[in-house]
Amino acid sequence: MRKSRDVSITNCQVLDFRFRGITLTDAARCRVTGCSVVERRQAPDKGTSIVVRGGRDNLIADNIVNPAGLSIDKGTAISRDNLEAAGTD
């Protein structure tokens, strides 16, 4: 999502993506909550599950993501209660 306002991405699955699962760019008051954003394949380089670049007042919460799968610019979002999935079972 680019330059979006007041959008919710909630309770969805983004599976087996190549580079990024969900990206917010210059977004405001958006939320990504309750989602499974995981690369399950045995890829040598896992992509980033959720990326937030620019914007303000966003919420990233209660998601299941790859290990180290969050990339959030400082001051752009609150991140809480996200679970880093530990493998490809």
Protein backbone atom coordinates (compact mmCIF):
# COMPACT_ATOMS: atom_id res chain seq x y z
CA MET A 1 0.00 0.00 0.00
CA ARG A 2 1.31 3.41 -0.93
CA LYS A 3 0.18 6.71 0.55
CA SER A 4 -2.88 5.06 2.08
CA ARG A 5 -4.91 6.33 5.01
CA ASP A 6 -7.12 4.48 7.50
CA VAL A 7 -6.83 1.03 5.84
CA SER A 8 -6.99 -2.30 7.68
CA ILE A 9 -5.35 -5.52 6.54
CA THR A 10 -6.79 -7.97 9.02
CA ASN A 11 -6.97 -11.76 9.50
CA CYS A 12 -5.50 -12.75 6.15
CA GLN A 13 -2.73 -15.07 4.99
CA VAL A 14 0.17 -14.09 2.76
CA LEU A 15 2.13 -17.29 2.19
CA ASP A 16 5.26 -18.23 0.24
CA PHE A 17 6.05 -14.75 -1.05
CA ARG A 18 9.42 -14.07 -2.67
CA PHE A 19 10.64 -10.70 -1.39
CA ARG A 20 8.07 -9.03 0.87
CA GLY A 21 4.71 -10.05 2.22
CA ILE A 22 3.04 -6.74 3.08
CA THR A 23 4.52 -3.27 2.58
CA LEU A 24 3.17 0.04 3.84
CA THR A 25 4.83 3.08 2.25
CA ASP A 26 3.99 6.57 3.53
CA ALA A 27 0.81 5.23 5.15
CA ALA A 28 -1.07 6.85 8.03
CA ARG A 29 -3.39 5.29 10.61
CA CYS A 30 -3.26 1.89 8.90
CA ARG A 31 -3.25 -1.44 10.67
CA VAL A 32 -1.93 -4.91 9.87
CA THR A 33 -3.39 -7.23 12.50
CA GLY A 34 -4.03 -10.93 12.96
CA CYS A 35 -2.30 -11.98 9.73
CA SER A 36 -0.03 -14.92 8.90
CA VAL A 37 2.74 -13.52 6.69
CA VAL A 38 5.23 -16.37 6.30
CA GLU A 39 7.54 -17.87 3.72
CA ARG A 40 7.26 -21.62 4.35
CA ARG A 41 9.55 -22.94 1.63
CA GLN A 42 13.13 -24.01 2.30
CA ALA A 43 14.50 -20.88 0.62
CA PRO A 44 18.04 -19.81 1.56
CA ASP A 45 16.96 -16.18 1.93
CA LYS A 46 13.61 -15.55 3.53
CA GLY A 47 11.87 -12.37 2.49
CA THR A 48 10.69 -9.74 4.93
CA SER A 49 7.17 -10.42 6.16
CA ILE A 50 6.02 -6.87 6.93
CA VAL A 51 7.75 -3.63 5.89
CA VAL A 52 6.77 -0.12 6.98
CA ARG A 53 8.57 2.79 5.25
CA GLY A 54 7.56 6.33 6.05
CA GLY A 55 4.18 7.43 7.31
CA ARG A 56 2.89 7.64 10.86
CA ASP A 57 0.48 6.26 13.45
CA ASN A 58 0.34 2.72 12.02
CA LEU A 59 -0.26 -0.47 14.01
CA ILE A 60 1.40 -3.84 13.35
CA ALA A 61 0.02 -6.33 15.90
CA ASP A 62 -0.82 -9.98 16.58
CA ASN A 63 0.70 -11.29 13.35
CA ILE A 64 2.69 -14.45 12.65
CA VAL A 65 5.85 -13.58 10.68
CA ASN A 66 9.20 -15.07 9.62
CA PRO A 67 12.08 -14.82 12.10
CA ALA A 68 13.38 -11.23 11.89
CA GLY A 69 10.48 -10.67 9.49
CA LEU A 70 9.58 -7.13 10.55
CA SER A 71 11.27 -4.06 9.06
CA ILE A 72 9.71 -0.92 10.47
CA ASP A 73 11.16 2.57 10.17
CA LYS A 74 11.49 4.26 13.55
CA GLY A 75 8.49 6.41 14.44
CA THR A 76 6.20 5.03 11.71
CA ALA A 77 4.33 2.29 13.58
CA ILE A 78 3.70 0.57 16.87
CA SER A 79 4.60 -3.11 16.71
CA ARG A 80 3.31 -5.43 19.43
CA ASP A 81 2.52 -9.06 20.15
CA ASN A 82 3.83 -10.40 16.83
CA LEU A 83 5.00 -14.03 16.79
CA GLU A 84 8.11 -15.02 14.84
CA ALA A 85 7.47 -18.49 13.36
CA ALA A 86 10.44 -20.76 13.96
CA GLY A 87 10.51 -23.04 10.95
CA THR A 88 8.98 -24.79 7.96
CA ASP A 89 6.92 -27.62 9.41
